[in-house]
Structure formats: structure tokens, C-alpha cells
Amino acid sequence: MGMWTNLAARIGQSLTNFLERFGAVARLGGQVVTLSFTRPFELAETIRHLDQMGIGSISIALVTLFASGMVMALQFAVGLDRFGGKEYVSVVVGLAVVRELGPVLTAVVVGGRVGSGTAAELGSMAVTEQIDAIRALGANPVKKLVVPRMWAMLIALPALTMLADVVGITGGMVISAVELGLRPLSYLSDTIDGIDLVDLITGLIKTYFFGFGIVVISCFNGITTFGGTEGVGNSTTRTVVISLMFIFVADFFLTRLMLVFG
């Protein structure tokens, strides 16, 4: 009896802790939305973070999508060839890249890179009491530290996704021309004909939700860091894990919602 009581108590405590942290993250997200439209606007900080998040993530995002596009073309070619539909590889790969692979994989690589860096930076500031110093000077840490990162992410992630979509489709075209013997111009023509504007918009809408979640999660874990250098490491690891879980879970619900209203 005592064992079951202890188990129930641990489960209850874990659930309580989760709900408390979820509420704190949601509260931070609400503050970010409110403060994003109030003066002063940290334009210099936003541009600096935009360079770090956008320009700094181009290489890893493009390499990831180029390789994924090639793999998808090969896999779909094998599957569709069984039913005599190899000529539809371009359309299937294009739709997969624009609606899913582009936004999700770009968010994953950017979230892993930017989220961990943000959590480590803000965590170091927290354990060295720099965030407390900002409060002591009368400034709002959320306004100064989180809002510029949010605006930078909401600009960088959709732009990176559009660029990654093009590169992913190009990867599929290259491997289709080399391995499958499809003509590049025909591949591109079929892809353009098979993708509608709503497909592109659907993928881009997802990036705004992904970007918002990545910044809020990483900044919350960074700001609430304690325990010295070990705490910084724990916050960084926690940020990457939770960010990836958030992206995949949010992707399912967003996809389901868009299919209902689309």
C-alpha cells in the first residue's frame, strides 16, 4: 500500500511541476506578445540577433534540406516505380518539402542551434546575476532580452524556410536527373504545376508558431537557470529536448487544423 501511495505522490508532484512550468512559459509568452508592440523598440539588438539566427543558420539549414530532398526523391522513386508512377516524383517531393520537410527540418536545425545558444547565454547571465542587475536598473529583462530575439526569429525562420524549400526541391531535381534519368526542366515544370500557393503558405504559417515556441522555451530556461555552470548545461540540454518535442507535437496539431480549414 505504501509503495502505491508513494508512486501516486511522485506522479502528482511531477504533474504539478509540469503544470507550473507550463503556466510560467505561457505567462512569458504573453508578456512577449504584449511588450513586442511597446516602446522602446530594440532595433539594434534585433538586427544583431537576426544576423546570428538567420545568416548563421543558412549553411546547416540548406545542407539539411538539400540532402533530405535527394533522399526523398530516391525513396519516392522506388515506391512509385512499383505502380508505374515514377514521373510523379517531382510533385510528391515538392509537396513534401514545401508542406512538411522545409518548415519542420529548418525549425529543428535552427531550434537546436539557436535555442541551445540562447539558453546558454541567458543562463550564464542569470547565474552571474546580470539579469538581476537589469531589473535593478529599472529595465524589463523580457523587453530587453527576449523581445528582440522573438522579432529576429519571426523574420529569420520563414525566410530560411523559403530558401530551404528551394534548395530541397533542387536536391530532388539533381538526384532525379542523375539517378532516375528525369529531365531537370520537366522536373521543375511539374513541381511548379503541382504546388499551389496554399501549400507554400501552409508551411510558412507553421514557422511562426515554431519560432515563437523556440524563443519562449529557450529564453524561459535561460532566465530561470540556477546552480552555476552545471545549471547552464542542464538548461541548454532541457531547451533542445523540449524545443524538438514542441516542434513535432505542434506540427501534428497545426497540420490537422489546416487540413480541417483548408
C-alpha atoms as a PDB file:
ATOM      1  CA  MET A   1       0.000   0.000   0.000  1.00  0.00           C
ATOM      2  CA  GLY A   2       2.818   2.366   0.886  1.00  0.00           C
ATOM      3  CA  MET A   3       4.524   1.740  -2.451  1.00  0.00           C
ATOM      4  CA  TRP A   4       1.417   2.722  -4.427  1.00  0.00           C
ATOM      5  CA  THR A   5       0.936   5.779  -2.241  1.00  0.00           C
ATOM      6  CA  ASN A   6       4.494   6.916  -2.891  1.00  0.00           C
ATOM      7  CA  LEU A   7       4.096   6.277  -6.621  1.00  0.00           C
ATOM      8  CA  ALA A   8       0.885   8.305  -6.747  1.00  0.00           C
ATOM      9  CA  ALA A   9       2.554  11.100  -4.778  1.00  0.00           C
ATOM     10  CA  ARG A  10       5.504  11.224  -7.200  1.00  0.00           C
ATOM     11  CA  ILE A  11       3.200  11.244 -10.210  1.00  0.00           C
ATOM     12  CA  GLY A  12       1.117  14.002  -8.661  1.00  0.00           C
ATOM     13  CA  GLN A  13       4.198  16.059  -7.848  1.00  0.00           C
ATOM     14  CA  SER A  14       5.573  15.619 -11.370  1.00  0.00           C
ATOM     15  CA  LEU A  15       2.240  16.682 -12.868  1.00  0.00           C
ATOM     16  CA  THR A  16       2.111  19.713 -10.573  1.00  0.00           C
ATOM     17  CA  ASN A  17       5.645  20.731 -11.531  1.00  0.00           C
ATOM     18  CA  PHE A  18       4.824  20.344 -15.224  1.00  0.00           C
ATOM     19  CA  LEU A  19       1.688  22.475 -14.953  1.00  0.00           C
ATOM     20  CA  GLU A  20       3.578  25.150 -13.006  1.00  0.00           C
ATOM     21  CA  ARG A  21       6.329  25.332 -15.628  1.00  0.00           C
ATOM     22  CA  PHE A  22       3.796  25.297 -18.460  1.00  0.00           C
ATOM     23  CA  GLY A  23       1.945  28.176 -16.834  1.00  0.00           C
ATOM     24  CA  ALA A  24       5.195  30.115 -16.364  1.00  0.00           C
ATOM     25  CA  VAL A  25       6.174  29.585 -20.022  1.00  0.00           C
ATOM     26  CA  ALA A  26       2.697  30.655 -21.169  1.00  0.00           C
ATOM     27  CA  ARG A  27       2.926  33.754 -18.975  1.00  0.00           C
ATOM     28  CA  LEU A  28       6.300  34.629 -20.503  1.00  0.00           C
ATOM     29  CA  GLY A  29       4.822  34.177 -23.977  1.00  0.00           C
ATOM     30  CA  GLY A  30       2.004  36.566 -23.114  1.00  0.00           C
ATOM     31  CA  GLN A  31       4.479  39.146 -21.834  1.00  0.00           C
ATOM     32  CA  VAL A  32       6.497  38.865 -25.043  1.00  0.00           C
ATOM     33  CA  VAL A  33       3.408  39.480 -27.191  1.00  0.00           C
ATOM     34  CA  THR A  34       2.396  42.485 -25.102  1.00  0.00           C
ATOM     35  CA  LEU A  35       5.866  44.046 -24.935  1.00  0.00           C
ATOM     36  CA  SER A  36       6.572  43.489 -28.629  1.00  0.00           C
ATOM     37  CA  PHE A  37       4.366  46.446 -29.530  1.00  0.00           C
ATOM     38  CA  THR A  38       5.507  48.890 -26.855  1.00  0.00           C
ATOM     39  CA  ARG A  39       8.391  51.345 -26.971  1.00  0.00           C
ATOM     40  CA  PRO A  40      11.349  51.401 -26.952  1.00  0.00           C
ATOM     41  CA  PHE A  41      11.985  49.101 -29.913  1.00  0.00           C
ATOM     42  CA  GLU A  42      15.381  47.428 -29.642  1.00  0.00           C
ATOM     43  CA  LEU A  43      16.196  47.629 -33.354  1.00  0.00           C
ATOM     44  CA  ALA A  44      19.957  47.282 -32.955  1.00  0.00           C
ATOM     45  CA  GLU A  45      19.580  44.158 -30.818  1.00  0.00           C
ATOM     46  CA  THR A  46      17.002  42.730 -33.219  1.00  0.00           C
ATOM     47  CA  ILE A  47      19.362  43.178 -36.169  1.00  0.00           C
ATOM     48  CA  ARG A  48      22.224  41.608 -34.215  1.00  0.00           C
ATOM     49  CA  HIS A  49      20.144  38.551 -33.332  1.00  0.00           C
ATOM     50  CA  LEU A  50      18.792  38.397 -36.874  1.00  0.00           C
ATOM     51  CA  ASP A  51      22.355  38.061 -38.127  1.00  0.00           C
ATOM     52  CA  GLN A  52      23.101  35.329 -35.591  1.00  0.00           C
ATOM     53  CA  MET A  53      19.889  33.376 -36.159  1.00  0.00           C
ATOM     54  CA  GLY A  54      19.415  33.877 -39.887  1.00  0.00           C
ATOM     55  CA  ILE A  55      22.796  34.292 -41.542  1.00  0.00           C
ATOM     56  CA  GLY A  56      24.479  31.982 -39.063  1.00  0.00           C
ATOM     57  CA  SER A  57      21.980  29.178 -39.719  1.00  0.00           C
ATOM     58  CA  ILE A  58      21.916  29.284 -43.524  1.00  0.00           C
ATOM     59  CA  SER A  59      24.584  26.649 -44.114  1.00  0.00           C
ATOM     60  CA  ILE A  60      23.195  23.985 -41.783  1.00  0.00           C
ATOM     61  CA  ALA A  61      19.613  24.557 -42.977  1.00  0.00           C
ATOM     62  CA  LEU A  62      20.490  24.351 -46.668  1.00  0.00           C
ATOM     63  CA  VAL A  63      22.712  21.288 -46.328  1.00  0.00           C
ATOM     64  CA  THR A  64      19.975  19.527 -44.340  1.00  0.00           C
ATOM     65  CA  LEU A  65      17.247  20.268 -46.881  1.00  0.00           C
ATOM     66  CA  PHE A  66      19.422  19.518 -49.915  1.00  0.00           C
ATOM     67  CA  ALA A  67      20.293  16.075 -48.543  1.00  0.00           C
ATOM     68  CA  SER A  68      16.693  15.454 -47.456  1.00  0.00           C
ATOM     69  CA  GLY A  69      15.397  16.394 -50.912  1.00  0.00           C
ATOM     70  CA  MET A  70      17.772  13.899 -52.532  1.00  0.00           C
ATOM     71  CA  VAL A  71      16.802  11.133 -50.126  1.00  0.00           C
ATOM     72  CA  MET A  72      13.086  11.799 -50.587  1.00  0.00           C
ATOM     73  CA  ALA A  73      13.451  11.668 -54.390  1.00  0.00           C
ATOM     74  CA  LEU A  74      15.227   8.309 -54.209  1.00  0.00           C
ATOM     75  CA  GLN A  75      12.740   6.797 -51.776  1.00  0.00           C
ATOM     76  CA  PHE A  76       9.652   8.013 -53.624  1.00  0.00           C
ATOM     77  CA  ALA A  77      11.114   6.888 -56.942  1.00  0.00           C
ATOM     78  CA  VAL A  78      11.458   3.336 -55.619  1.00  0.00           C
ATOM     79  CA  GLY A  79       7.944   3.329 -54.165  1.00  0.00           C
ATOM     80  CA  LEU A  80       6.175   4.969 -57.097  1.00  0.00           C
ATOM     81  CA  ASP A  81       8.023   2.887 -59.696  1.00  0.00           C
ATOM     82  CA  ARG A  82       6.208  -0.212 -58.409  1.00  0.00           C
ATOM     83  CA  PHE A  83       2.952   1.356 -59.577  1.00  0.00           C
ATOM     84  CA  GLY A  84       4.314   2.953 -62.738  1.00  0.00           C
ATOM     85  CA  GLY A  85       4.191   6.444 -61.284  1.00  0.00           C
ATOM     86  CA  LYS A  86       7.866   7.452 -61.298  1.00  0.00           C
ATOM     87  CA  GLU A  87       7.017  10.618 -63.245  1.00  0.00           C
ATOM     88  CA  TYR A  88       5.141  11.915 -60.198  1.00  0.00           C
ATOM     89  CA  VAL A  89       8.287  12.015 -58.075  1.00  0.00           C
ATOM     90  CA  SER A  90       8.717  15.750 -58.656  1.00  0.00           C
ATOM     91  CA  VAL A  91       5.243  16.646 -57.406  1.00  0.00           C
ATOM     92  CA  VAL A  92       5.378  14.368 -54.375  1.00  0.00           C
ATOM     93  CA  VAL A  93       8.823  15.587 -53.332  1.00  0.00           C
ATOM     94  CA  GLY A  94       7.834  19.211 -53.897  1.00  0.00           C
ATOM     95  CA  LEU A  95       4.719  18.913 -51.757  1.00  0.00           C
ATOM     96  CA  ALA A  96       6.595  17.046 -49.029  1.00  0.00           C
ATOM     97  CA  VAL A  97       9.319  19.686 -48.920  1.00  0.00           C
ATOM     98  CA  VAL A  98       7.032  22.724 -49.015  1.00  0.00           C
ATOM     99  CA  ARG A  99       4.383  21.485 -46.584  1.00  0.00           C
ATOM    100  CA  GLU A 100       6.451  19.458 -44.110  1.00  0.00           C
ATOM    101  CA  LEU A 101      10.176  18.935 -44.588  1.00  0.00           C
ATOM    102  CA  GLY A 102      11.012  22.579 -45.236  1.00  0.00           C
ATOM    103  CA  PRO A 103       9.370  24.142 -42.174  1.00  0.00           C
ATOM    104  CA  VAL A 104       9.923  21.232 -39.784  1.00  0.00           C
ATOM    105  CA  LEU A 105      13.557  20.407 -40.561  1.00  0.00           C
ATOM    106  CA  THR A 106      14.513  24.077 -40.730  1.00  0.00           C
ATOM    107  CA  ALA A 107      12.872  24.657 -37.350  1.00  0.00           C
ATOM    108  CA  VAL A 108      14.648  21.618 -35.927  1.00  0.00           C
ATOM    109  CA  VAL A 109      18.146  22.647 -37.001  1.00  0.00           C
ATOM    110  CA  VAL A 110      17.606  26.322 -36.173  1.00  0.00           C
ATOM    111  CA  GLY A 111      15.949  25.420 -32.882  1.00  0.00           C
ATOM    112  CA  GLY A 112      18.817  23.152 -31.903  1.00  0.00           C
ATOM    113  CA  ARG A 113      21.427  25.747 -32.819  1.00  0.00           C
ATOM    114  CA  VAL A 114      19.725  28.950 -31.702  1.00  0.00           C
ATOM    115  CA  GLY A 115      17.785  27.507 -28.778  1.00  0.00           C
ATOM    116  CA  SER A 116      20.840  25.998 -27.137  1.00  0.00           C
ATOM    117  CA  GLY A 117      22.859  29.166 -27.694  1.00  0.00           C
ATOM    118  CA  THR A 118      20.123  31.380 -26.269  1.00  0.00           C
ATOM    119  CA  ALA A 119      19.633  29.193 -23.208  1.00  0.00           C
ATOM    120  CA  ALA A 120      23.381  29.097 -22.560  1.00  0.00           C
ATOM    121  CA  GLU A 121      23.784  32.871 -22.982  1.00  0.00           C
ATOM    122  CA  LEU A 122      20.833  33.837 -20.782  1.00  0.00           C
ATOM    123  CA  GLY A 123      21.684  31.073 -18.319  1.00  0.00           C
ATOM    124  CA  SER A 124      25.182  32.495 -17.897  1.00  0.00           C
ATOM    125  CA  MET A 125      23.665  35.933 -17.359  1.00  0.00           C
ATOM    126  CA  ALA A 126      21.278  34.513 -14.768  1.00  0.00           C
ATOM    127  CA  VAL A 127      23.888  32.692 -12.677  1.00  0.00           C
ATOM    128  CA  THR A 128      26.189  35.731 -12.753  1.00  0.00           C
ATOM    129  CA  GLU A 129      23.262  37.963 -11.649  1.00  0.00           C
ATOM    130  CA  GLN A 130      23.351  40.130 -14.771  1.00  0.00           C
ATOM    131  CA  ILE A 131      19.598  39.714 -15.222  1.00  0.00           C
ATOM    132  CA  ASP A 132      19.051  40.894 -11.640  1.00  0.00           C
ATOM    133  CA  ALA A 133      21.229  43.901 -12.451  1.00  0.00           C
ATOM    134  CA  ILE A 134      18.976  44.739 -15.418  1.00  0.00           C
ATOM    135  CA  ARG A 135      15.970  44.696 -13.093  1.00  0.00           C
ATOM    136  CA  ALA A 136      17.828  46.837 -10.536  1.00  0.00           C
ATOM    137  CA  LEU A 137      18.460  49.457 -13.221  1.00  0.00           C
ATOM    138  CA  GLY A 138      14.719  49.686 -13.860  1.00  0.00           C
ATOM    139  CA  ALA A 139      14.677  47.851 -17.189  1.00  0.00           C
ATOM    140  CA  ASN A 140      12.483  44.898 -18.074  1.00  0.00           C
ATOM    141  CA  PRO A 141      14.590  41.790 -18.856  1.00  0.00           C
ATOM    142  CA  VAL A 142      11.839  40.366 -21.045  1.00  0.00           C
ATOM    143  CA  LYS A 143      11.672  43.543 -23.117  1.00  0.00           C
ATOM    144  CA  LYS A 144      15.448  43.834 -23.401  1.00  0.00           C
ATOM    145  CA  LEU A 145      16.479  40.201 -23.802  1.00  0.00           C
ATOM    146  CA  VAL A 146      13.521  38.220 -25.144  1.00  0.00           C
ATOM    147  CA  VAL A 147      11.566  40.543 -27.440  1.00  0.00           C
ATOM    148  CA  PRO A 148      14.482  41.299 -29.834  1.00  0.00           C
ATOM    149  CA  ARG A 149      15.158  37.577 -30.151  1.00  0.00           C
ATOM    150  CA  MET A 150      11.478  36.956 -30.882  1.00  0.00           C
ATOM    151  CA  TRP A 151      11.311  39.516 -33.686  1.00  0.00           C
ATOM    152  CA  ALA A 152      14.574  38.221 -35.143  1.00  0.00           C
ATOM    153  CA  MET A 153      13.311  34.631 -35.104  1.00  0.00           C
ATOM    154  CA  LEU A 154       9.966  35.537 -36.681  1.00  0.00           C
ATOM    155  CA  ILE A 155      11.848  37.174 -39.550  1.00  0.00           C
ATOM    156  CA  ALA A 156      14.690  34.662 -39.916  1.00  0.00           C
ATOM    157  CA  LEU A 157      12.835  31.336 -39.712  1.00  0.00           C
ATOM    158  CA  PRO A 158      10.263  31.957 -42.504  1.00  0.00           C
ATOM    159  CA  ALA A 159      12.993  33.410 -44.737  1.00  0.00           C
ATOM    160  CA  LEU A 160      15.252  30.421 -44.097  1.00  0.00           C
ATOM    161  CA  THR A 161      12.345  28.066 -44.753  1.00  0.00           C
ATOM    162  CA  MET A 162      11.592  29.589 -48.156  1.00  0.00           C
ATOM    163  CA  LEU A 163      15.255  29.333 -49.108  1.00  0.00           C
ATOM    164  CA  ALA A 164      15.401  25.767 -47.769  1.00  0.00           C
ATOM    165  CA  ASP A 165      12.307  24.835 -49.809  1.00  0.00           C
ATOM    166  CA  VAL A 166      14.063  25.905 -52.996  1.00  0.00           C
ATOM    167  CA  VAL A 167      17.225  24.011 -52.070  1.00  0.00           C
ATOM    168  CA  GLY A 168      15.275  20.898 -51.062  1.00  0.00           C
ATOM    169  CA  ILE A 169      13.424  20.832 -54.384  1.00  0.00           C
ATOM    170  CA  THR A 170      16.742  21.392 -56.160  1.00  0.00           C
ATOM    171  CA  GLY A 171      18.231  18.411 -54.332  1.00  0.00           C
ATOM    172  CA  GLY A 172      15.378  16.241 -55.535  1.00  0.00           C
ATOM    173  CA  MET A 173      15.839  17.544 -59.069  1.00  0.00           C
ATOM    174  CA  VAL A 174      19.578  16.819 -59.054  1.00  0.00           C
ATOM    175  CA  ILE A 175      19.256  13.244 -57.845  1.00  0.00           C
ATOM    176  CA  SER A 176      16.306  12.633 -60.207  1.00  0.00           C
ATOM    177  CA  ALA A 177      18.385  13.783 -63.157  1.00  0.00           C
ATOM    178  CA  VAL A 178      21.467  11.787 -62.154  1.00  0.00           C
ATOM    179  CA  GLU A 179      19.908   8.578 -60.840  1.00  0.00           C
ATOM    180  CA  LEU A 180      16.466   8.418 -62.415  1.00  0.00           C
ATOM    181  CA  GLY A 181      17.106   9.988 -65.801  1.00  0.00           C
ATOM    182  CA  LEU A 182      14.408  12.654 -65.452  1.00  0.00           C
ATOM    183  CA  ARG A 183      14.922  15.909 -67.320  1.00  0.00           C
ATOM    184  CA  PRO A 184      15.590  18.858 -64.956  1.00  0.00           C
ATOM    185  CA  LEU A 185      13.337  21.310 -66.833  1.00  0.00           C
ATOM    186  CA  SER A 186      10.466  18.826 -66.863  1.00  0.00           C
ATOM    187  CA  TYR A 187      11.050  18.136 -63.169  1.00  0.00           C
ATOM    188  CA  LEU A 188      10.843  21.838 -62.301  1.00  0.00           C
ATOM    189  CA  SER A 189       7.822  22.393 -64.543  1.00  0.00           C
ATOM    190  CA  ASP A 190       5.915  19.504 -62.957  1.00  0.00           C
ATOM    191  CA  THR A 191       6.866  20.725 -59.474  1.00  0.00           C
ATOM    192  CA  ILE A 192       5.621  24.254 -60.148  1.00  0.00           C
ATOM    193  CA  ASP A 193       2.385  22.935 -61.637  1.00  0.00           C
ATOM    194  CA  GLY A 194       1.816  20.570 -58.713  1.00  0.00           C
ATOM    195  CA  ILE A 195       2.388  23.056 -55.867  1.00  0.00           C
ATOM    196  CA  ASP A 196      -0.283  25.621 -55.071  1.00  0.00           C
ATOM    197  CA  LEU A 197       0.195  28.883 -53.210  1.00  0.00           C
ATOM    198  CA  VAL A 198      -1.781  27.476 -50.292  1.00  0.00           C
ATOM    199  CA  ASP A 199       0.830  24.734 -49.888  1.00  0.00           C
ATOM    200  CA  LEU A 200       3.592  27.314 -49.511  1.00  0.00           C
ATOM    201  CA  ILE A 201       1.524  29.459 -47.135  1.00  0.00           C
ATOM    202  CA  THR A 202       0.681  26.417 -45.012  1.00  0.00           C
ATOM    203  CA  GLY A 203       4.349  25.666 -44.452  1.00  0.00           C
ATOM    204  CA  LEU A 204       5.233  29.286 -43.712  1.00  0.00           C
ATOM    205  CA  ILE A 205       2.432  29.666 -41.157  1.00  0.00           C
ATOM    206  CA  LYS A 206       3.914  26.767 -39.222  1.00  0.00           C
ATOM    207  CA  THR A 207       7.285  28.516 -38.971  1.00  0.00           C
ATOM    208  CA  TYR A 208       5.801  31.406 -36.987  1.00  0.00           C
ATOM    209  CA  PHE A 209       4.434  29.021 -34.357  1.00  0.00           C
ATOM    210  CA  PHE A 210       7.690  27.057 -34.299  1.00  0.00           C
ATOM    211  CA  GLY A 211       9.776  30.219 -33.984  1.00  0.00           C
ATOM    212  CA  PHE A 212       7.633  31.631 -31.205  1.00  0.00           C
ATOM    213  CA  GLY A 213       7.832  28.400 -29.232  1.00  0.00           C
ATOM    214  CA  ILE A 214      11.602  28.025 -29.695  1.00  0.00           C
ATOM    215  CA  VAL A 215      12.326  31.534 -28.410  1.00  0.00           C
ATOM    216  CA  VAL A 216       9.940  31.361 -25.451  1.00  0.00           C
ATOM    217  CA  ILE A 217      11.191  27.939 -24.344  1.00  0.00           C
ATOM    218  CA  SER A 218      14.881  28.781 -24.695  1.00  0.00           C
ATOM    219  CA  CYS A 219      14.567  32.185 -23.027  1.00  0.00           C
ATOM    220  CA  PHE A 220      12.495  30.795 -20.158  1.00  0.00           C
ATOM    221  CA  ASN A 221      15.022  28.039 -19.467  1.00  0.00           C
ATOM    222  CA  GLY A 222      17.853  30.549 -19.702  1.00  0.00           C
ATOM    223  CA  ILE A 223      16.325  33.179 -17.436  1.00  0.00           C
ATOM    224  CA  THR A 224      15.325  30.629 -14.774  1.00  0.00           C
ATOM    225  CA  THR A 225      18.764  28.966 -14.681  1.00  0.00           C
ATOM    226  CA  PHE A 226      20.351  28.389 -11.292  1.00  0.00           C
ATOM    227  CA  GLY A 227      23.180  26.271  -9.938  1.00  0.00           C
ATOM    228  CA  GLY A 228      26.241  27.701 -11.664  1.00  0.00           C
ATOM    229  CA  THR A 229      27.834  26.135 -14.721  1.00  0.00           C
ATOM    230  CA  GLU A 230      26.070  22.818 -14.147  1.00  0.00           C
ATOM    231  CA  GLY A 231      22.745  24.627 -14.205  1.00  0.00           C
ATOM    232  CA  VAL A 232      23.663  26.284 -17.503  1.00  0.00           C
ATOM    233  CA  GLY A 233      24.382  22.880 -19.024  1.00  0.00           C
ATOM    234  CA  ASN A 234      21.101  21.473 -17.725  1.00  0.00           C
ATOM    235  CA  SER A 235      19.139  24.423 -19.109  1.00  0.00           C
ATOM    236  CA  THR A 236      20.786  24.048 -22.512  1.00  0.00           C
ATOM    237  CA  THR A 237      20.011  20.335 -22.702  1.00  0.00           C
ATOM    238  CA  ARG A 238      16.458  20.860 -21.489  1.00  0.00           C
ATOM    239  CA  THR A 239      15.905  23.571 -24.088  1.00  0.00           C
ATOM    240  CA  VAL A 240      16.962  21.384 -27.017  1.00  0.00           C
ATOM    241  CA  VAL A 241      14.853  18.429 -25.883  1.00  0.00           C
ATOM    242  CA  ILE A 242      11.712  20.448 -25.150  1.00  0.00           C
ATOM    243  CA  SER A 243      12.062  22.532 -28.318  1.00  0.00           C
ATOM    244  CA  LEU A 244      12.237  19.428 -30.520  1.00  0.00           C
ATOM    245  CA  MET A 245       9.263  17.875 -28.748  1.00  0.00           C
ATOM    246  CA  PHE A 246       7.322  21.110 -29.160  1.00  0.00           C
ATOM    247  CA  ILE A 247       8.078  21.320 -32.895  1.00  0.00           C
ATOM    248  CA  PHE A 248       6.904  17.778 -33.639  1.00  0.00           C
ATOM    249  CA  VAL A 249       3.791  17.946 -31.460  1.00  0.00           C
ATOM    250  CA  ALA A 250       2.851  21.407 -32.739  1.00  0.00           C
ATOM    251  CA  ASP A 251       3.397  20.226 -36.318  1.00  0.00           C
ATOM    252  CA  PHE A 252       0.803  17.489 -35.895  1.00  0.00           C
ATOM    253  CA  PHE A 253      -1.853  19.792 -34.457  1.00  0.00           C
ATOM    254  CA  LEU A 254      -1.143  22.562 -36.961  1.00  0.00           C
ATOM    255  CA  THR A 255      -1.311  20.110 -39.867  1.00  0.00           C
ATOM    256  CA  ARG A 256      -4.595  18.672 -38.590  1.00  0.00           C
ATOM    257  CA  LEU A 257      -6.046  22.139 -38.097  1.00  0.00           C
ATOM    258  CA  MET A 258      -5.015  23.326 -41.548  1.00  0.00           C
ATOM    259  CA  LEU A 259      -6.451  20.231 -43.190  1.00  0.00           C
ATOM    260  CA  VAL A 260      -9.777  20.939 -41.483  1.00  0.00           C
ATOM    261  CA  PHE A 261      -9.946  24.577 -42.541  1.00  0.00           C
ATOM    262  CA  GLY A 262      -8.029  24.150 -45.785  1.00  0.00           C
END
